């Protein structure tokens, strides 16, 4: 059974745009998925990424075009400038870690967090908002939010940054299959081909 490490952050619109398509793909191909929410600010300095405000204006403008193209293609009513974005994402990301650590499927709750920010203009830095979303998805909000604040979950989440750097993660989302990194939800077709073919992973030390 193939296994995919799913690296992302809830503040990433690209992760939202690809979220359901990725999970549907993984299900079709019988792949297990490990959810790895990560603090991008702790990854970018090591892998060459830049936070949005530091990118060249031309790149910022092109991002706006691509967001419109992909929301149309995916048929997702994503808001380009949601009211509460960017927001401190650590707690929201850690609740996903806590859901997974408790043995539940974090997929539906992760989707609701994405929707809350990017479609509904809710503030996912607010514990009350997260509690409502957790309840909607059948989780115990007091338990999950409480666990998200424990040293164990904080350590798991903090460790994701170093693991992401080691794995070659350079942005959100990244899907890692057998050590091969697929960066961006626009690479899902390539990930699907790799899963269907069951080929060996491509390597970066290939001779020219």
C-alpha atoms as a PDB file:
ATOM      1  CA  UNK A   1       0.000   0.000   0.000  1.00  0.00           C
ATOM      2  CA  UNK A   2       1.555   3.350  -0.981  1.00  0.00           C
ATOM      3  CA  UNK A   3       2.042   6.015   1.660  1.00  0.00           C
ATOM      4  CA  UNK A   4       2.100   9.785   1.193  1.00  0.00           C
ATOM      5  CA  UNK A   5       3.290  12.436   3.627  1.00  0.00           C
ATOM      6  CA  UNK A   6       1.036  15.465   3.216  1.00  0.00           C
ATOM      7  CA  UNK A   7       2.856  18.684   4.120  1.00  0.00           C
ATOM      8  CA  UNK A   8       0.765  21.849   4.278  1.00  0.00           C
ATOM      9  CA  UNK A   9      -0.405  24.808   6.306  1.00  0.00           C
ATOM     10  CA  UNK A  10      -3.925  26.092   6.780  1.00  0.00           C
ATOM     11  CA  UNK A  11      -2.782  29.571   5.718  1.00  0.00           C
ATOM     12  CA  UNK A  12      -1.985  28.238   2.238  1.00  0.00           C
ATOM     13  CA  UNK A  13      -4.714  28.795  -0.370  1.00  0.00           C
ATOM     14  CA  UNK A  14      -2.933  26.318  -2.632  1.00  0.00           C
ATOM     15  CA  UNK A  15      -3.261  23.570  -0.030  1.00  0.00           C
ATOM     16  CA  UNK A  16      -6.983  24.345   0.196  1.00  0.00           C
ATOM     17  CA  UNK A  17      -7.423  24.270  -3.578  1.00  0.00           C
ATOM     18  CA  UNK A  18      -5.822  20.832  -3.768  1.00  0.00           C
ATOM     19  CA  UNK A  19      -7.035  19.353  -0.487  1.00  0.00           C
ATOM     20  CA  UNK A  20     -10.100  17.391  -1.565  1.00  0.00           C
ATOM     21  CA  UNK A  21      -8.652  16.487  -4.954  1.00  0.00           C
ATOM     22  CA  UNK A  22      -5.599  15.046  -3.216  1.00  0.00           C
ATOM     23  CA  UNK A  23      -7.610  13.057  -0.677  1.00  0.00           C
ATOM     24  CA  UNK A  24      -9.851  11.707  -3.439  1.00  0.00           C
ATOM     25  CA  UNK A  25      -6.760  10.666  -5.402  1.00  0.00           C
ATOM     26  CA  UNK A  26      -5.207   8.954  -2.397  1.00  0.00           C
ATOM     27  CA  UNK A  27      -8.443   7.050  -1.769  1.00  0.00           C
ATOM     28  CA  UNK A  28      -8.739   5.924  -5.397  1.00  0.00           C
ATOM     29  CA  UNK A  29      -5.190   4.630  -5.393  1.00  0.00           C
ATOM     30  CA  UNK A  30      -5.396   3.001  -1.959  1.00  0.00           C
ATOM     31  CA  UNK A  31      -2.720   5.234  -0.448  1.00  0.00           C
ATOM     32  CA  UNK A  32      -2.411   6.020   3.232  1.00  0.00           C
ATOM     33  CA  UNK A  33      -1.883   9.668   4.144  1.00  0.00           C
ATOM     34  CA  UNK A  34       0.047  11.179   7.045  1.00  0.00           C
ATOM     35  CA  UNK A  35      -1.093  14.731   7.756  1.00  0.00           C
ATOM     36  CA  UNK A  36       1.922  16.963   8.432  1.00  0.00           C
ATOM     37  CA  UNK A  37       0.821  20.547   9.103  1.00  0.00           C
ATOM     38  CA  UNK A  38       3.907  22.717   9.368  1.00  0.00           C
ATOM     39  CA  UNK A  39       4.963  26.252  10.280  1.00  0.00           C
ATOM     40  CA  UNK A  40       6.109  27.576   6.907  1.00  0.00           C
ATOM     41  CA  UNK A  41       8.066  30.420   8.487  1.00  0.00           C
ATOM     42  CA  UNK A  42      10.387  27.811   9.978  1.00  0.00           C
ATOM     43  CA  UNK A  43      10.837  26.006   6.654  1.00  0.00           C
ATOM     44  CA  UNK A  44      11.302  28.800   4.117  1.00  0.00           C
ATOM     45  CA  UNK A  45      14.635  30.085   5.464  1.00  0.00           C
ATOM     46  CA  UNK A  46      16.133  26.619   4.960  1.00  0.00           C
ATOM     47  CA  UNK A  47      14.626  25.779   1.569  1.00  0.00           C
ATOM     48  CA  UNK A  48      14.643  29.095  -0.278  1.00  0.00           C
ATOM     49  CA  UNK A  49      11.026  30.162   0.134  1.00  0.00           C
ATOM     50  CA  UNK A  50       9.896  33.711   0.799  1.00  0.00           C
ATOM     51  CA  UNK A  51       6.839  34.947   2.693  1.00  0.00           C
ATOM     52  CA  UNK A  52       4.374  36.636   0.358  1.00  0.00           C
ATOM     53  CA  UNK A  53       5.178  40.282   1.275  1.00  0.00           C
ATOM     54  CA  UNK A  54       8.855  39.737   0.433  1.00  0.00           C
ATOM     55  CA  UNK A  55       8.236  38.371  -3.051  1.00  0.00           C
ATOM     56  CA  UNK A  56       8.725  40.545  -6.112  1.00  0.00           C
ATOM     57  CA  UNK A  57       5.562  42.467  -7.060  1.00  0.00           C
ATOM     58  CA  UNK A  58       5.429  40.627 -10.389  1.00  0.00           C
ATOM     59  CA  UNK A  59       5.258  37.306  -8.551  1.00  0.00           C
ATOM     60  CA  UNK A  60       2.596  38.631  -6.197  1.00  0.00           C
ATOM     61  CA  UNK A  61       0.481  39.736  -9.154  1.00  0.00           C
ATOM     62  CA  UNK A  62       0.921  36.428 -10.938  1.00  0.00           C
ATOM     63  CA  UNK A  63      -0.184  34.618  -7.769  1.00  0.00           C
ATOM     64  CA  UNK A  64      -3.505  36.480  -7.979  1.00  0.00           C
ATOM     65  CA  UNK A  65      -4.020  35.293 -11.551  1.00  0.00           C
ATOM     66  CA  UNK A  66      -3.267  31.694 -10.658  1.00  0.00           C
ATOM     67  CA  UNK A  67      -5.598  31.733  -7.660  1.00  0.00           C
ATOM     68  CA  UNK A  68      -8.442  32.850  -9.929  1.00  0.00           C
ATOM     69  CA  UNK A  69      -7.626  30.229 -12.554  1.00  0.00           C
ATOM     70  CA  UNK A  70      -7.429  27.380 -10.090  1.00  0.00           C
ATOM     71  CA  UNK A  71     -10.506  28.297  -8.064  1.00  0.00           C
ATOM     72  CA  UNK A  72     -12.436  28.273 -11.336  1.00  0.00           C
ATOM     73  CA  UNK A  73     -10.965  24.931 -12.379  1.00  0.00           C
ATOM     74  CA  UNK A  74     -11.563  23.311  -8.986  1.00  0.00           C
ATOM     75  CA  UNK A  75     -14.984  24.997  -8.640  1.00  0.00           C
ATOM     76  CA  UNK A  76     -14.096  26.255  -5.159  1.00  0.00           C
ATOM     77  CA  UNK A  77     -15.443  29.686  -4.077  1.00  0.00           C
ATOM     78  CA  UNK A  78     -12.116  30.742  -2.599  1.00  0.00           C
ATOM     79  CA  UNK A  79     -11.836  34.389  -1.595  1.00  0.00           C
ATOM     80  CA  UNK A  80      -8.653  35.992  -2.854  1.00  0.00           C
ATOM     81  CA  UNK A  81      -8.413  38.315   0.143  1.00  0.00           C
ATOM     82  CA  UNK A  82     -10.201  36.666   3.098  1.00  0.00           C
ATOM     83  CA  UNK A  83     -11.000  38.959   6.002  1.00  0.00           C
ATOM     84  CA  UNK A  84      -8.878  37.219   8.649  1.00  0.00           C
ATOM     85  CA  UNK A  85      -5.862  36.243   6.551  1.00  0.00           C
ATOM     86  CA  UNK A  86      -3.034  35.984   7.285  1.00  0.00           C
ATOM     87  CA  UNK A  87      -3.588  34.809  10.835  1.00  0.00           C
ATOM     88  CA  UNK A  88      -1.426  33.128  13.519  1.00  0.00           C
ATOM     89  CA  UNK A  89      -1.859  29.544  12.369  1.00  0.00           C
ATOM     90  CA  UNK A  90      -0.027  27.546  15.019  1.00  0.00           C
ATOM     91  CA  UNK A  91      -3.048  26.618  17.148  1.00  0.00           C
ATOM     92  CA  UNK A  92      -5.217  25.694  14.159  1.00  0.00           C
ATOM     93  CA  UNK A  93      -2.446  23.560  12.660  1.00  0.00           C
ATOM     94  CA  UNK A  94      -1.869  21.901  16.035  1.00  0.00           C
ATOM     95  CA  UNK A  95      -5.528  20.951  16.371  1.00  0.00           C
ATOM     96  CA  UNK A  96      -5.085  18.927  13.181  1.00  0.00           C
ATOM     97  CA  UNK A  97      -2.074  17.213  14.763  1.00  0.00           C
ATOM     98  CA  UNK A  98      -4.189  16.513  17.858  1.00  0.00           C
ATOM     99  CA  UNK A  99      -7.041  15.030  15.819  1.00  0.00           C
ATOM    100  CA  UNK A 100      -4.625  12.730  13.992  1.00  0.00           C
ATOM    101  CA  UNK A 101      -2.792  11.856  17.215  1.00  0.00           C
ATOM    102  CA  UNK A 102      -6.110  10.756  18.698  1.00  0.00           C
ATOM    103  CA  UNK A 103      -6.577   8.243  15.895  1.00  0.00           C
ATOM    104  CA  UNK A 104      -9.305  10.065  13.958  1.00  0.00           C
ATOM    105  CA  UNK A 105      -9.277  11.011  10.277  1.00  0.00           C
ATOM    106  CA  UNK A 106      -8.236  14.682  10.146  1.00  0.00           C
ATOM    107  CA  UNK A 107      -9.334  15.131   6.534  1.00  0.00           C
ATOM    108  CA  UNK A 108     -12.880  16.475   7.039  1.00  0.00           C
ATOM    109  CA  UNK A 109     -11.861  18.813   9.863  1.00  0.00           C
ATOM    110  CA  UNK A 110      -8.932  20.134   7.844  1.00  0.00           C
ATOM    111  CA  UNK A 111     -11.324  20.867   4.981  1.00  0.00           C
ATOM    112  CA  UNK A 112     -13.677  22.742   7.311  1.00  0.00           C
ATOM    113  CA  UNK A 113     -10.784  24.863   8.603  1.00  0.00           C
ATOM    114  CA  UNK A 114      -9.826  25.727   5.042  1.00  0.00           C
ATOM    115  CA  UNK A 115     -13.420  26.619   4.186  1.00  0.00           C
ATOM    116  CA  UNK A 116     -13.873  28.676   7.330  1.00  0.00           C
ATOM    117  CA  UNK A 117     -10.970  30.963   6.426  1.00  0.00           C
ATOM    118  CA  UNK A 118     -10.985  30.985   2.637  1.00  0.00           C
ATOM    119  CA  UNK A 119     -14.735  30.891   1.929  1.00  0.00           C
ATOM    120  CA  UNK A 120     -16.580  32.023   5.059  1.00  0.00           C
ATOM    121  CA  UNK A 121     -14.288  34.789   6.392  1.00  0.00           C
ATOM    122  CA  UNK A 122     -14.012  33.172   9.830  1.00  0.00           C
ATOM    123  CA  UNK A 123     -11.013  33.725  12.090  1.00  0.00           C
ATOM    124  CA  UNK A 124      -9.285  30.377  12.598  1.00  0.00           C
ATOM    125  CA  UNK A 125      -6.961  31.883  15.181  1.00  0.00           C
ATOM    126  CA  UNK A 126      -9.989  32.100  17.484  1.00  0.00           C
ATOM    127  CA  UNK A 127     -10.476  29.114  19.811  1.00  0.00           C
ATOM    128  CA  UNK A 128     -14.259  29.557  19.684  1.00  0.00           C
ATOM    129  CA  UNK A 129     -14.205  29.230  15.901  1.00  0.00           C
ATOM    130  CA  UNK A 130     -12.033  26.127  16.067  1.00  0.00           C
ATOM    131  CA  UNK A 131     -14.296  24.645  18.746  1.00  0.00           C
ATOM    132  CA  UNK A 132     -17.314  25.135  16.472  1.00  0.00           C
ATOM    133  CA  UNK A 133     -15.549  23.519  13.524  1.00  0.00           C
ATOM    134  CA  UNK A 134     -14.412  20.584  15.644  1.00  0.00           C
ATOM    135  CA  UNK A 135     -17.961  20.054  16.905  1.00  0.00           C
ATOM    136  CA  UNK A 136     -19.316  20.144  13.343  1.00  0.00           C
ATOM    137  CA  UNK A 137     -16.869  17.372  12.441  1.00  0.00           C
ATOM    138  CA  UNK A 138     -17.800  15.171  15.392  1.00  0.00           C
ATOM    139  CA  UNK A 139     -14.783  15.871  17.597  1.00  0.00           C
ATOM    140  CA  UNK A 140     -14.678  16.875  21.259  1.00  0.00           C
ATOM    141  CA  UNK A 141     -13.525  20.502  21.071  1.00  0.00           C
ATOM    142  CA  UNK A 142     -12.381  20.811  24.676  1.00  0.00           C
ATOM    143  CA  UNK A 143     -10.324  17.636  24.389  1.00  0.00           C
ATOM    144  CA  UNK A 144      -8.743  18.493  21.016  1.00  0.00           C
ATOM    145  CA  UNK A 145      -7.964  22.126  21.814  1.00  0.00           C
ATOM    146  CA  UNK A 146      -6.663  21.100  25.219  1.00  0.00           C
ATOM    147  CA  UNK A 147      -4.432  18.439  23.672  1.00  0.00           C
ATOM    148  CA  UNK A 148      -3.217  20.918  21.054  1.00  0.00           C
ATOM    149  CA  UNK A 149      -1.747  22.974  23.869  1.00  0.00           C
ATOM    150  CA  UNK A 150       0.115  20.118  25.526  1.00  0.00           C
ATOM    151  CA  UNK A 151       3.858  19.665  25.327  1.00  0.00           C
ATOM    152  CA  UNK A 152       3.475  16.414  23.404  1.00  0.00           C
ATOM    153  CA  UNK A 153       1.483  17.916  20.526  1.00  0.00           C
ATOM    154  CA  UNK A 154       3.585  21.059  20.507  1.00  0.00           C
ATOM    155  CA  UNK A 155       6.699  18.893  20.214  1.00  0.00           C
ATOM    156  CA  UNK A 156       5.235  16.911  17.322  1.00  0.00           C
ATOM    157  CA  UNK A 157       4.281  20.119  15.527  1.00  0.00           C
ATOM    158  CA  UNK A 158       7.635  21.763  16.163  1.00  0.00           C
ATOM    159  CA  UNK A 159       9.367  18.641  14.893  1.00  0.00           C
ATOM    160  CA  UNK A 160       7.504  18.837  11.609  1.00  0.00           C
ATOM    161  CA  UNK A 161       9.567  21.851  10.526  1.00  0.00           C
ATOM    162  CA  UNK A 162      12.890  20.025  10.795  1.00  0.00           C
ATOM    163  CA  UNK A 163      11.398  16.912   9.191  1.00  0.00           C
ATOM    164  CA  UNK A 164      10.027  19.002   6.332  1.00  0.00           C
ATOM    165  CA  UNK A 165      13.436  20.543   5.650  1.00  0.00           C
ATOM    166  CA  UNK A 166      15.042  17.109   5.690  1.00  0.00           C
ATOM    167  CA  UNK A 167      12.387  15.765   3.316  1.00  0.00           C
ATOM    168  CA  UNK A 168      12.973  18.579   0.831  1.00  0.00           C
ATOM    169  CA  UNK A 169       9.662  20.325   1.388  1.00  0.00           C
ATOM    170  CA  UNK A 170       9.763  23.794  -0.180  1.00  0.00           C
ATOM    171  CA  UNK A 171       6.205  25.040   0.146  1.00  0.00           C
ATOM    172  CA  UNK A 172       2.575  24.210   0.808  1.00  0.00           C
ATOM    173  CA  UNK A 173       1.307  21.802  -0.209  1.00  0.00           C
ATOM    174  CA  UNK A 174       3.970  19.171  -0.765  1.00  0.00           C
ATOM    175  CA  UNK A 175       3.129  15.505  -1.234  1.00  0.00           C
ATOM    176  CA  UNK A 176       6.006  13.113  -0.594  1.00  0.00           C
ATOM    177  CA  UNK A 177       5.764   9.614  -2.061  1.00  0.00           C
ATOM    178  CA  UNK A 178       8.680   7.228  -1.463  1.00  0.00           C
ATOM    179  CA  UNK A 179      10.938  10.206  -0.820  1.00  0.00           C
ATOM    180  CA  UNK A 180       9.946  11.971  -4.048  1.00  0.00           C
ATOM    181  CA  UNK A 181       8.556  15.469  -3.511  1.00  0.00           C
ATOM    182  CA  UNK A 182       5.604  16.791  -5.506  1.00  0.00           C
ATOM    183  CA  UNK A 183       5.334  20.515  -4.781  1.00  0.00           C
ATOM    184  CA  UNK A 184       2.020  22.203  -5.376  1.00  0.00           C
ATOM    185  CA  UNK A 185      -1.543  21.107  -5.949  1.00  0.00           C
ATOM    186  CA  UNK A 186      -0.901  21.591  -9.662  1.00  0.00           C
ATOM    187  CA  UNK A 187       1.350  18.507  -9.493  1.00  0.00           C
ATOM    188  CA  UNK A 188      -1.456  16.135  -8.548  1.00  0.00           C
ATOM    189  CA  UNK A 189      -1.599  14.728 -12.097  1.00  0.00           C
ATOM    190  CA  UNK A 190       2.086  13.802 -11.812  1.00  0.00           C
ATOM    191  CA  UNK A 191       1.496  12.261  -8.380  1.00  0.00           C
ATOM    192  CA  UNK A 192      -1.355  10.226  -9.842  1.00  0.00           C
ATOM    193  CA  UNK A 193       0.884   8.930 -12.637  1.00  0.00           C
ATOM    194  CA  UNK A 194       3.507   7.881 -10.097  1.00  0.00           C
ATOM    195  CA  UNK A 195       0.913   6.061  -8.007  1.00  0.00           C
ATOM    196  CA  UNK A 196      -0.663   4.280 -10.963  1.00  0.00           C
ATOM    197  CA  UNK A 197       2.634   3.226 -12.533  1.00  0.00           C
ATOM    198  CA  UNK A 198       4.182   2.147  -9.222  1.00  0.00           C
ATOM    199  CA  UNK A 199       7.489   3.316 -10.641  1.00  0.00           C
ATOM    200  CA  UNK A 200      10.592   3.791  -8.531  1.00  0.00           C
ATOM    201  CA  UNK A 201      10.974   7.337  -7.206  1.00  0.00           C
ATOM    202  CA  UNK A 202      12.963   9.777  -9.270  1.00  0.00           C
ATOM    203  CA  UNK A 203      16.169  10.975  -7.627  1.00  0.00           C
ATOM    204  CA  UNK A 204      17.921  14.325  -7.542  1.00  0.00           C
ATOM    205  CA  UNK A 205      21.410  12.863  -8.000  1.00  0.00           C
ATOM    206  CA  UNK A 206      20.729  11.785 -11.572  1.00  0.00           C
ATOM    207  CA  UNK A 207      23.606  12.206 -14.031  1.00  0.00           C
ATOM    208  CA  UNK A 208      23.156  14.925 -16.644  1.00  0.00           C
END
